[in-house]
Amino acid sequence: MSRDPLPAPRTLVAGIGNIFLGDDGFGVEAARLLAARDLPDHVEVVDVGVRGVHLAYQLLDGYDTLVLLDATARGESPGTLYVVEHEGRGGTGAAVPVLDGHRMTPDTVLALLDTLCAGTGAKPPGRVLVVGCEPASVDERIGLSPPVADAVPRAVRAVEELLEGGVPVLARAAEGFTRGDTG
């Protein structure tokens, strides 16, 4: 008796950000580059931009892993990349988040997703990773600063390594890549 192989875990890679706020467009640009790559069939790449509510509803379709690409200010040099495992979800008893389409942070999207899952019986992704980039400026302008633009191809490579099931090879701090955890 032959067994059918288990389907590959579904992964959604979502680029987040506002392209009209300079380096805040990092996630959108990284998603655009990644979508042009040859990826496994079980991986979907979307440009969410500022549509965080849309992302929360899309996640109801059932994904095992969510990878967010986003500008992430953590106090390092502009262009520094971070891979952060997000663990601060569920069971907080927090109130339903205030929905502001222009200020849907990843934490707000995940809180909304928890609320939607509780109401629908859907299951949130079991793993949430953020591939973030330290912005130089999020002032009103179109286009990434040079250090953030230089970080986009490195972020794409990091996501490809994550999708292979491994942990990205973390470059030395001098190359602007660190690993962190949130919770």
N, C-alpha and C. Protein backbone atom coordinates (compact mmCIF):
# COMPACT_ATOMS: atom_id res chain seq x y z
N MET A 1 0.84 -1.16 0.00
CA MET A 1 0.00 0.00 0.00
C MET A 1 0.89 1.24 0.00
N SER A 2 0.67 2.09 -0.96
CA SER A 2 1.50 3.28 -1.08
C SER A 2 0.80 4.46 -0.43
N ARG A 3 1.58 5.24 0.26
CA ARG A 3 1.03 6.43 0.92
C ARG A 3 1.35 7.66 0.07
N ASP A 4 0.36 8.52 -0.03
CA ASP A 4 0.61 9.78 -0.71
C ASP A 4 1.48 10.64 0.19
N PRO A 5 2.45 11.34 -0.39
CA PRO A 5 3.27 12.20 0.45
C PRO A 5 2.43 13.33 1.04
N LEU A 6 2.81 13.74 2.23
CA LEU A 6 2.10 14.84 2.86
C LEU A 6 2.33 16.11 2.05
N PRO A 7 1.31 16.94 1.94
CA PRO A 7 1.51 18.19 1.21
C PRO A 7 2.50 19.08 1.95
N ALA A 8 3.25 19.85 1.17
CA ALA A 8 4.22 20.78 1.77
C ALA A 8 3.46 21.82 2.57
N PRO A 9 4.04 22.27 3.68
CA PRO A 9 3.37 23.30 4.47
C PRO A 9 3.20 24.58 3.64
N ARG A 10 2.02 25.15 3.71
CA ARG A 10 1.74 26.38 2.96
C ARG A 10 2.41 27.57 3.65
N THR A 11 3.07 28.37 2.85
CA THR A 11 3.78 29.54 3.37
C THR A 11 3.33 30.78 2.61
N LEU A 12 3.04 31.83 3.36
CA LEU A 12 2.72 33.14 2.77
C LEU A 12 3.84 34.09 3.14
N VAL A 13 4.42 34.72 2.12
CA VAL A 13 5.42 35.77 2.32
C VAL A 13 4.73 37.07 1.95
N ALA A 14 4.67 38.01 2.90
CA ALA A 14 3.93 39.24 2.69
C ALA A 14 4.83 40.45 2.86
N GLY A 15 4.89 41.27 1.81
CA GLY A 15 5.62 42.53 1.87
C GLY A 15 4.72 43.61 2.43
N ILE A 16 5.16 44.27 3.49
CA ILE A 16 4.37 45.28 4.18
C ILE A 16 5.08 46.62 4.05
N GLY A 17 4.30 47.68 3.90
CA GLY A 17 4.89 49.01 3.93
C GLY A 17 4.20 50.00 3.03
N ASN A 18 4.56 51.25 3.24
CA ASN A 18 3.99 52.36 2.48
C ASN A 18 5.07 52.94 1.57
N ILE A 19 4.93 52.75 0.27
CA ILE A 19 5.95 53.20 -0.68
C ILE A 19 6.07 54.72 -0.74
N PHE A 20 5.12 55.44 -0.17
CA PHE A 20 5.18 56.90 -0.16
C PHE A 20 5.92 57.44 1.06
N LEU A 21 6.45 56.53 1.89
CA LEU A 21 7.19 56.93 3.09
C LEU A 21 8.61 56.38 3.06
N GLY A 22 9.29 56.60 1.95
CA GLY A 22 10.70 56.23 1.84
C GLY A 22 10.98 54.78 2.17
N ASP A 23 11.82 54.56 3.18
CA ASP A 23 12.27 53.22 3.52
C ASP A 23 11.16 52.32 4.07
N ASP A 24 10.00 52.89 4.39
CA ASP A 24 8.87 52.05 4.81
C ASP A 24 8.44 51.13 3.66
N GLY A 25 8.84 51.44 2.44
CA GLY A 25 8.52 50.61 1.29
C GLY A 25 9.43 49.40 1.12
N PHE A 26 10.34 49.17 2.08
CA PHE A 26 11.27 48.04 2.00
C PHE A 26 10.55 46.71 1.75
N GLY A 27 9.54 46.41 2.54
CA GLY A 27 8.85 45.12 2.43
C GLY A 27 8.19 44.92 1.09
N VAL A 28 7.62 45.98 0.55
CA VAL A 28 6.96 45.92 -0.76
C VAL A 28 8.00 45.63 -1.84
N GLU A 29 9.13 46.32 -1.78
CA GLU A 29 10.18 46.11 -2.79
C GLU A 29 10.79 44.72 -2.68
N ALA A 30 11.02 44.25 -1.46
CA ALA A 30 11.57 42.90 -1.28
C ALA A 30 10.59 41.84 -1.79
N ALA A 31 9.30 42.03 -1.55
CA ALA A 31 8.30 41.08 -2.04
C ALA A 31 8.25 41.08 -3.57
N ARG A 32 8.38 42.27 -4.17
CA ARG A 32 8.37 42.36 -5.64
C ARG A 32 9.54 41.56 -6.22
N LEU A 33 10.71 41.70 -5.64
CA LEU A 33 11.89 40.97 -6.12
C LEU A 33 11.72 39.48 -5.88
N LEU A 34 11.22 39.10 -4.72
CA LEU A 34 11.05 37.69 -4.38
C LEU A 34 10.01 37.02 -5.27
N ALA A 35 8.95 37.73 -5.61
CA ALA A 35 7.89 37.16 -6.46
C ALA A 35 8.41 36.80 -7.85
N ALA A 36 9.48 37.43 -8.28
CA ALA A 36 10.04 37.15 -9.60
C ALA A 36 10.96 35.93 -9.58
N ARG A 37 11.22 35.37 -8.40
CA ARG A 37 12.11 34.23 -8.26
C ARG A 37 11.34 32.93 -8.47
N ASP A 38 12.08 31.86 -8.73
CA ASP A 38 11.49 30.53 -8.86
C ASP A 38 11.35 29.94 -7.46
N LEU A 39 10.12 29.90 -6.97
CA LEU A 39 9.85 29.44 -5.61
C LEU A 39 9.04 28.16 -5.64
N PRO A 40 9.08 27.38 -4.57
CA PRO A 40 8.26 26.17 -4.50
C PRO A 40 6.77 26.50 -4.63
N ASP A 41 6.01 25.53 -5.12
CA ASP A 41 4.58 25.74 -5.34
C ASP A 41 3.80 26.07 -4.07
N HIS A 42 4.29 25.62 -2.92
CA HIS A 42 3.57 25.85 -1.67
C HIS A 42 3.83 27.23 -1.07
N VAL A 43 4.61 28.06 -1.78
CA VAL A 43 4.95 29.39 -1.29
C VAL A 43 4.23 30.44 -2.14
N GLU A 44 3.55 31.35 -1.47
CA GLU A 44 2.86 32.45 -2.13
C GLU A 44 3.45 33.76 -1.63
N VAL A 45 3.76 34.67 -2.56
CA VAL A 45 4.31 35.98 -2.20
C VAL A 45 3.29 37.03 -2.58
N VAL A 46 2.99 37.93 -1.64
CA VAL A 46 2.03 39.00 -1.90
C VAL A 46 2.60 40.34 -1.45
N ASP A 47 2.22 41.37 -2.17
CA ASP A 47 2.53 42.75 -1.79
C ASP A 47 1.29 43.25 -1.06
N VAL A 48 1.38 43.34 0.25
CA VAL A 48 0.25 43.78 1.05
C VAL A 48 0.22 45.30 1.15
N GLY A 49 1.40 45.91 1.13
CA GLY A 49 1.47 47.36 1.27
C GLY A 49 0.91 47.78 2.62
N VAL A 50 -0.11 48.63 2.61
CA VAL A 50 -0.73 49.11 3.85
C VAL A 50 -2.07 48.42 4.11
N ARG A 51 -2.35 47.35 3.39
CA ARG A 51 -3.64 46.66 3.53
C ARG A 51 -3.56 45.54 4.56
N GLY A 52 -3.30 45.89 5.81
CA GLY A 52 -3.14 44.90 6.86
C GLY A 52 -4.40 44.10 7.12
N VAL A 53 -5.55 44.73 7.01
CA VAL A 53 -6.82 44.00 7.21
C VAL A 53 -6.95 42.91 6.15
N HIS A 54 -6.58 43.23 4.92
CA HIS A 54 -6.62 42.24 3.84
C HIS A 54 -5.71 41.05 4.18
N LEU A 55 -4.52 41.33 4.71
CA LEU A 55 -3.60 40.26 5.09
C LEU A 55 -4.23 39.36 6.14
N ALA A 56 -4.84 39.94 7.15
CA ALA A 56 -5.47 39.13 8.20
C ALA A 56 -6.53 38.20 7.60
N TYR A 57 -7.35 38.72 6.71
CA TYR A 57 -8.39 37.88 6.09
C TYR A 57 -7.77 36.82 5.18
N GLN A 58 -6.70 37.15 4.45
CA GLN A 58 -6.06 36.16 3.59
C GLN A 58 -5.49 35.01 4.41
N LEU A 59 -4.99 35.31 5.59
CA LEU A 59 -4.41 34.27 6.44
C LEU A 59 -5.46 33.27 6.92
N LEU A 60 -6.72 33.63 6.86
CA LEU A 60 -7.78 32.69 7.22
C LEU A 60 -7.85 31.51 6.25
N ASP A 61 -7.23 31.65 5.07
CA ASP A 61 -7.22 30.58 4.08
C ASP A 61 -6.35 29.40 4.49
N GLY A 62 -5.59 29.56 5.57
CA GLY A 62 -4.83 28.44 6.11
C GLY A 62 -3.40 28.36 5.62
N TYR A 63 -2.51 28.99 6.33
CA TYR A 63 -1.08 28.93 6.05
C TYR A 63 -0.38 28.40 7.28
N ASP A 64 0.64 27.60 7.06
CA ASP A 64 1.41 27.05 8.16
C ASP A 64 2.45 28.04 8.67
N THR A 65 3.00 28.82 7.74
CA THR A 65 4.04 29.78 8.07
C THR A 65 3.74 31.11 7.40
N LEU A 66 4.00 32.18 8.13
CA LEU A 66 3.90 33.54 7.59
C LEU A 66 5.26 34.19 7.73
N VAL A 67 5.77 34.74 6.63
CA VAL A 67 7.01 35.50 6.65
C VAL A 67 6.64 36.92 6.25
N LEU A 68 6.89 37.86 7.17
CA LEU A 68 6.61 39.26 6.91
C LEU A 68 7.90 39.96 6.52
N LEU A 69 7.85 40.76 5.47
CA LEU A 69 8.96 41.62 5.06
C LEU A 69 8.56 43.03 5.42
N ASP A 70 9.35 43.69 6.28
CA ASP A 70 8.91 44.99 6.78
C ASP A 70 10.10 45.83 7.22
N ALA A 71 9.95 47.14 7.13
CA ALA A 71 10.91 48.05 7.74
C ALA A 71 10.75 47.91 9.25
N THR A 72 11.86 47.71 9.94
CA THR A 72 11.80 47.39 11.37
C THR A 72 12.86 48.20 12.10
N ALA A 73 12.44 49.26 12.75
CA ALA A 73 13.38 50.11 13.48
C ALA A 73 13.72 49.48 14.83
N ARG A 74 14.99 49.14 15.00
CA ARG A 74 15.46 48.55 16.26
C ARG A 74 16.72 49.23 16.76
N GLY A 75 17.08 50.37 16.13
CA GLY A 75 18.20 51.16 16.64
C GLY A 75 19.56 50.84 16.06
N GLU A 76 19.63 50.01 15.05
CA GLU A 76 20.92 49.69 14.43
C GLU A 76 21.17 50.61 13.24
N SER A 77 22.22 50.37 12.51
CA SER A 77 22.55 51.17 11.32
C SER A 77 21.53 50.91 10.22
N PRO A 78 21.18 51.94 9.44
CA PRO A 78 20.27 51.73 8.31
C PRO A 78 20.78 50.62 7.39
N GLY A 79 19.86 49.77 6.97
CA GLY A 79 20.20 48.64 6.11
C GLY A 79 20.48 47.35 6.85
N THR A 80 20.56 47.42 8.19
CA THR A 80 20.76 46.20 8.98
C THR A 80 19.52 45.32 8.84
N LEU A 81 19.73 44.05 8.58
CA LEU A 81 18.62 43.10 8.44
C LEU A 81 18.46 42.31 9.73
N TYR A 82 17.21 41.99 10.02
CA TYR A 82 16.88 41.19 11.19
C TYR A 82 16.00 40.02 10.76
N VAL A 83 16.21 38.87 11.37
CA VAL A 83 15.26 37.76 11.24
C VAL A 83 14.73 37.55 12.65
N VAL A 84 13.44 37.80 12.81
CA VAL A 84 12.82 37.76 14.13
C VAL A 84 11.70 36.74 14.12
N GLU A 85 11.73 35.82 15.07
CA GLU A 85 10.63 34.88 15.24
C GLU A 85 9.62 35.55 16.17
N HIS A 86 8.42 35.73 15.67
CA HIS A 86 7.37 36.40 16.45
C HIS A 86 6.67 35.35 17.28
N GLU A 87 6.69 35.54 18.60
CA GLU A 87 6.06 34.56 19.50
C GLU A 87 5.00 35.18 20.39
N GLY A 88 4.69 36.46 20.22
CA GLY A 88 3.79 37.14 21.13
C GLY A 88 2.35 37.12 20.68
N ARG A 89 1.80 35.93 20.44
CA ARG A 89 0.42 35.86 19.96
C ARG A 89 -0.41 34.99 20.86
N GLY A 90 -1.70 35.26 20.79
CA GLY A 90 -2.70 34.39 21.39
C GLY A 90 -2.79 34.48 22.90
N GLY A 91 -4.00 34.33 23.38
CA GLY A 91 -4.24 34.19 24.79
C GLY A 91 -3.94 35.41 25.65
N THR A 92 -3.83 36.58 25.06
CA THR A 92 -3.49 37.75 25.85
C THR A 92 -4.71 38.37 26.49
N GLY A 93 -5.87 38.07 25.98
CA GLY A 93 -7.08 38.66 26.52
C GLY A 93 -7.20 40.14 26.16
N ALA A 94 -6.38 40.58 25.24
CA ALA A 94 -6.40 41.99 24.85
C ALA A 94 -7.69 42.30 24.10
N ALA A 95 -8.06 43.55 24.14
CA ALA A 95 -9.25 43.99 23.42
C ALA A 95 -9.03 43.88 21.92
N VAL A 96 -10.11 43.84 21.18
CA VAL A 96 -10.02 43.82 19.73
C VAL A 96 -9.27 45.06 19.29
N PRO A 97 -8.27 44.90 18.40
CA PRO A 97 -7.47 46.06 18.01
C PRO A 97 -8.29 47.09 17.26
N VAL A 98 -7.90 48.35 17.44
CA VAL A 98 -8.53 49.44 16.70
C VAL A 98 -8.03 49.34 15.27
N LEU A 99 -8.94 49.32 14.31
CA LEU A 99 -8.57 49.16 12.92
C LEU A 99 -8.37 50.51 12.26
N ASP A 100 -7.14 50.79 11.93
CA ASP A 100 -6.76 51.99 11.20
C ASP A 100 -5.96 51.51 10.01
N GLY A 101 -6.54 51.57 8.82
CA GLY A 101 -5.91 51.03 7.63
C GLY A 101 -4.53 51.56 7.35
N HIS A 102 -4.17 52.70 7.91
CA HIS A 102 -2.86 53.28 7.66
C HIS A 102 -1.86 52.96 8.76
N ARG A 103 -2.28 52.30 9.81
CA ARG A 103 -1.38 52.01 10.92
C ARG A 103 -1.52 50.56 11.38
N MET A 104 -1.63 49.65 10.46
CA MET A 104 -1.76 48.24 10.78
C MET A 104 -0.37 47.62 10.90
N THR A 105 0.20 47.66 12.10
CA THR A 105 1.50 47.04 12.33
C THR A 105 1.33 45.52 12.29
N PRO A 106 2.43 44.79 12.12
CA PRO A 106 2.31 43.32 12.17
C PRO A 106 1.64 42.82 13.45
N ASP A 107 1.95 43.44 14.59
CA ASP A 107 1.31 43.00 15.84
C ASP A 107 -0.21 43.21 15.80
N THR A 108 -0.64 44.32 15.21
CA THR A 108 -2.08 44.59 15.10
C THR A 108 -2.74 43.60 14.16
N VAL A 109 -2.07 43.30 13.05
CA VAL A 109 -2.62 42.33 12.09
C VAL A 109 -2.76 40.96 12.76
N LEU A 110 -1.74 40.54 13.52
CA LEU A 110 -1.81 39.24 14.18
C LEU A 110 -2.86 39.21 15.29
N ALA A 111 -3.05 40.32 15.99
CA ALA A 111 -4.11 40.39 16.99
C ALA A 111 -5.48 40.29 16.32
N LEU A 112 -5.64 40.98 15.21
CA LEU A 112 -6.89 40.88 14.45
C LEU A 112 -7.10 39.45 13.96
N LEU A 113 -6.04 38.82 13.46
CA LEU A 113 -6.14 37.44 12.99
C LEU A 113 -6.59 36.52 14.12
N ASP A 114 -6.04 36.68 15.31
CA ASP A 114 -6.46 35.85 16.45
C ASP A 114 -7.96 36.03 16.71
N THR A 115 -8.43 37.27 16.63
CA THR A 115 -9.85 37.54 16.83
C THR A 115 -10.68 36.88 15.74
N LEU A 116 -10.24 36.99 14.49
CA LEU A 116 -10.97 36.39 13.37
C LEU A 116 -10.98 34.87 13.47
N CYS A 117 -9.85 34.29 13.87
CA CYS A 117 -9.78 32.84 14.02
C CYS A 117 -10.71 32.35 15.12
N ALA A 118 -10.77 33.10 16.21
CA ALA A 118 -11.67 32.71 17.30
C ALA A 118 -13.12 32.72 16.84
N GLY A 119 -13.46 33.64 15.95
CA GLY A 119 -14.83 33.74 15.47
C GLY A 119 -15.18 32.78 14.36
N THR A 120 -14.17 32.30 13.63
CA THR A 120 -14.44 31.45 12.47
C THR A 120 -14.00 30.01 12.65
N GLY A 121 -13.18 29.75 13.65
CA GLY A 121 -12.65 28.40 13.84
C GLY A 121 -11.43 28.13 12.98
N ALA A 122 -10.96 29.12 12.24
CA ALA A 122 -9.75 28.97 11.42
C ALA A 122 -8.54 28.90 12.34
N LYS A 123 -7.43 28.45 11.79
CA LYS A 123 -6.21 28.30 12.57
C LYS A 123 -5.16 29.28 12.06
N PRO A 124 -4.55 30.07 12.94
CA PRO A 124 -3.50 31.00 12.49
C PRO A 124 -2.23 30.24 12.12
N PRO A 125 -1.32 30.86 11.40
CA PRO A 125 -0.06 30.19 11.08
C PRO A 125 0.66 29.76 12.35
N GLY A 126 1.27 28.59 12.31
CA GLY A 126 2.00 28.09 13.46
C GLY A 126 3.31 28.79 13.68
N ARG A 127 3.84 29.39 12.62
CA ARG A 127 5.13 30.09 12.74
C ARG A 127 5.03 31.42 12.02
N VAL A 128 5.50 32.47 12.67
CA VAL A 128 5.52 33.81 12.08
C VAL A 128 6.94 34.35 12.20
N LEU A 129 7.52 34.67 11.06
CA LEU A 129 8.86 35.24 11.02
C LEU A 129 8.78 36.62 10.41
N VAL A 130 9.64 37.52 10.88
CA VAL A 130 9.75 38.84 10.29
C VAL A 130 11.17 38.99 9.78
N VAL A 131 11.29 39.30 8.49
CA VAL A 131 12.57 39.68 7.93
C VAL A 131 12.47 41.19 7.80
N GLY A 132 13.16 41.87 8.71
CA GLY A 132 13.05 43.31 8.80
C GLY A 132 14.34 44.01 8.41
N CYS A 133 14.18 45.28 8.07
CA CYS A 133 15.33 46.09 7.69
C CYS A 133 15.26 47.42 8.44
N GLU A 134 16.38 47.80 9.02
CA GLU A 134 16.47 49.08 9.73
C GLU A 134 16.36 50.22 8.70
N PRO A 135 15.35 51.08 8.84
CA PRO A 135 15.20 52.18 7.89
C PRO A 135 16.15 53.34 8.21
N ALA A 136 16.49 54.11 7.17
CA ALA A 136 17.23 55.36 7.38
C ALA A 136 16.24 56.49 7.58
N SER A 137 15.16 56.47 6.79
CA SER A 137 14.17 57.56 6.86
C SER A 137 12.82 57.06 6.38
N VAL A 138 11.78 57.44 7.11
CA VAL A 138 10.41 57.14 6.68
C VAL A 138 9.66 58.44 6.44
N ASP A 139 10.40 59.44 5.99
CA ASP A 139 9.78 60.72 5.61
C ASP A 139 9.04 60.55 4.29
N GLU A 140 8.13 61.48 4.02
CA GLU A 140 7.37 61.42 2.77
C GLU A 140 8.29 61.59 1.57
N ARG A 141 8.42 60.52 0.81
CA ARG A 141 9.15 60.50 -0.46
C ARG A 141 8.99 59.11 -1.05
N ILE A 142 9.21 58.99 -2.32
CA ILE A 142 9.16 57.69 -2.98
C ILE A 142 10.60 57.24 -3.22
N GLY A 143 10.89 56.00 -2.88
CA GLY A 143 12.21 55.44 -3.11
C GLY A 143 12.92 55.13 -1.81
N LEU A 144 13.71 54.07 -1.86
CA LEU A 144 14.47 53.63 -0.69
C LEU A 144 15.80 54.37 -0.61
N SER A 145 16.29 54.56 0.60
CA SER A 145 17.62 55.13 0.78
C SER A 145 18.64 54.11 0.29
N PRO A 146 19.85 54.55 -0.05
CA PRO A 146 20.86 53.60 -0.55
C PRO A 146 21.13 52.41 0.37
N PRO A 147 21.28 52.57 1.70
CA PRO A 147 21.56 51.37 2.50
C PRO A 147 20.39 50.39 2.55
N VAL A 148 19.18 50.89 2.50
CA VAL A 148 18.01 50.01 2.52
C VAL A 148 17.84 49.34 1.15
N ALA A 149 18.05 50.08 0.08
CA ALA A 149 17.99 49.47 -1.26
C ALA A 149 19.03 48.37 -1.40
N ASP A 150 20.23 48.58 -0.84
CA ASP A 150 21.28 47.56 -0.89
C ASP A 150 20.91 46.32 -0.07
N ALA A 151 20.05 46.49 0.93
CA ALA A 151 19.66 45.37 1.79
C ALA A 151 18.59 44.48 1.15
N VAL A 152 17.86 44.99 0.16
CA VAL A 152 16.76 44.23 -0.43
C VAL A 152 17.22 42.88 -0.99
N PRO A 153 18.27 42.81 -1.83
CA PRO A 153 18.69 41.49 -2.34
C PRO A 153 19.14 40.54 -1.23
N ARG A 154 19.77 41.08 -0.18
CA ARG A 154 20.18 40.23 0.95
C ARG A 154 18.96 39.69 1.68
N ALA A 155 17.91 40.51 1.78
CA ALA A 155 16.67 40.05 2.42
C ALA A 155 16.02 38.94 1.60
N VAL A 156 16.04 39.09 0.30
CA VAL A 156 15.48 38.05 -0.58
C VAL A 156 16.22 36.74 -0.38
N ARG A 157 17.55 36.81 -0.32
CA ARG A 157 18.34 35.58 -0.08
C ARG A 157 18.00 34.97 1.28
N ALA A 158 17.82 35.81 2.30
CA ALA A 158 17.47 35.29 3.63
C ALA A 158 16.14 34.57 3.59
N VAL A 159 15.15 35.13 2.90
CA VAL A 159 13.84 34.49 2.80
C VAL A 159 13.97 33.17 2.04
N GLU A 160 14.74 33.16 0.96
CA GLU A 160 14.92 31.90 0.22
C GLU A 160 15.53 30.83 1.11
N GLU A 161 16.48 31.21 1.96
CA GLU A 161 17.07 30.25 2.89
C GLU A 161 16.03 29.77 3.91
N LEU A 162 15.20 30.67 4.39
CA LEU A 162 14.14 30.28 5.32
C LEU A 162 13.18 29.30 4.66
N LEU A 163 12.88 29.53 3.39
CA LEU A 163 11.94 28.68 2.67
C LEU A 163 12.52 27.30 2.40
N GLU A 164 13.83 27.18 2.44
CA GLU A 164 14.47 25.89 2.27
C GLU A 164 14.42 25.08 3.56
N GLY A 165 13.87 25.68 4.61
CA GLY A 165 13.72 24.96 5.87
C GLY A 165 14.88 25.15 6.82
N GLY A 166 15.88 25.89 6.39
CA GLY A 166 17.02 26.12 7.27
C GLY A 166 16.94 27.48 7.92
N VAL A 167 17.91 27.74 8.74
CA VAL A 167 18.04 29.05 9.36
C VAL A 167 19.02 29.83 8.51
N PRO A 168 18.70 31.07 8.16
CA PRO A 168 19.63 31.82 7.32
C PRO A 168 21.01 31.89 7.94
N VAL A 169 22.00 31.80 7.07
CA VAL A 169 23.36 31.99 7.53
C VAL A 169 23.46 33.46 7.91
N LEU A 170 23.77 33.70 9.15
CA LEU A 170 23.80 35.07 9.63
C LEU A 170 25.18 35.66 9.39
N ALA A 171 25.19 36.71 8.60
CA ALA A 171 26.45 37.37 8.29
C ALA A 171 26.97 38.09 9.51
N ARG A 172 28.22 38.44 9.47
CA ARG A 172 28.81 39.19 10.57
C ARG A 172 28.11 40.53 10.72
N ALA A 173 28.16 41.08 11.92
CA ALA A 173 27.51 42.36 12.20
C ALA A 173 28.01 43.44 11.25
N ALA A 174 29.25 43.37 10.83
CA ALA A 174 29.80 44.37 9.92
C ALA A 174 29.07 44.35 8.58
N GLU A 175 28.48 43.21 8.26
CA GLU A 175 27.71 43.11 7.01
C GLU A 175 26.27 43.47 7.22
N GLY A 176 25.91 43.84 8.44
CA GLY A 176 24.58 44.38 8.71
C GLY A 176 23.48 43.34 8.77
N PHE A 177 23.71 42.22 9.43
CA PHE A 177 22.65 41.21 9.54
C PHE A 177 22.66 40.66 10.96
N THR A 178 21.55 40.77 11.63
CA THR A 178 21.46 40.26 12.99
C THR A 178 20.23 39.38 13.14
N ARG A 179 20.17 38.66 14.21
CA ARG A 179 19.02 37.80 14.50
C ARG A 179 18.46 38.21 15.85
N GLY A 180 17.16 38.25 15.93
CA GLY A 180 16.54 38.62 17.19
C GLY A 180 15.25 37.88 17.40
N ASP A 181 14.73 37.97 18.59
CA ASP A 181 13.44 37.37 18.92
C ASP A 181 12.56 38.42 19.55
N THR A 182 11.26 38.32 19.32
CA THR A 182 10.32 39.20 19.98
C THR A 182 9.32 38.35 20.74
N GLY A 183 8.61 38.92 21.58
CA GLY A 183 7.61 38.14 22.28
C GLY A 183 6.97 38.97 23.22
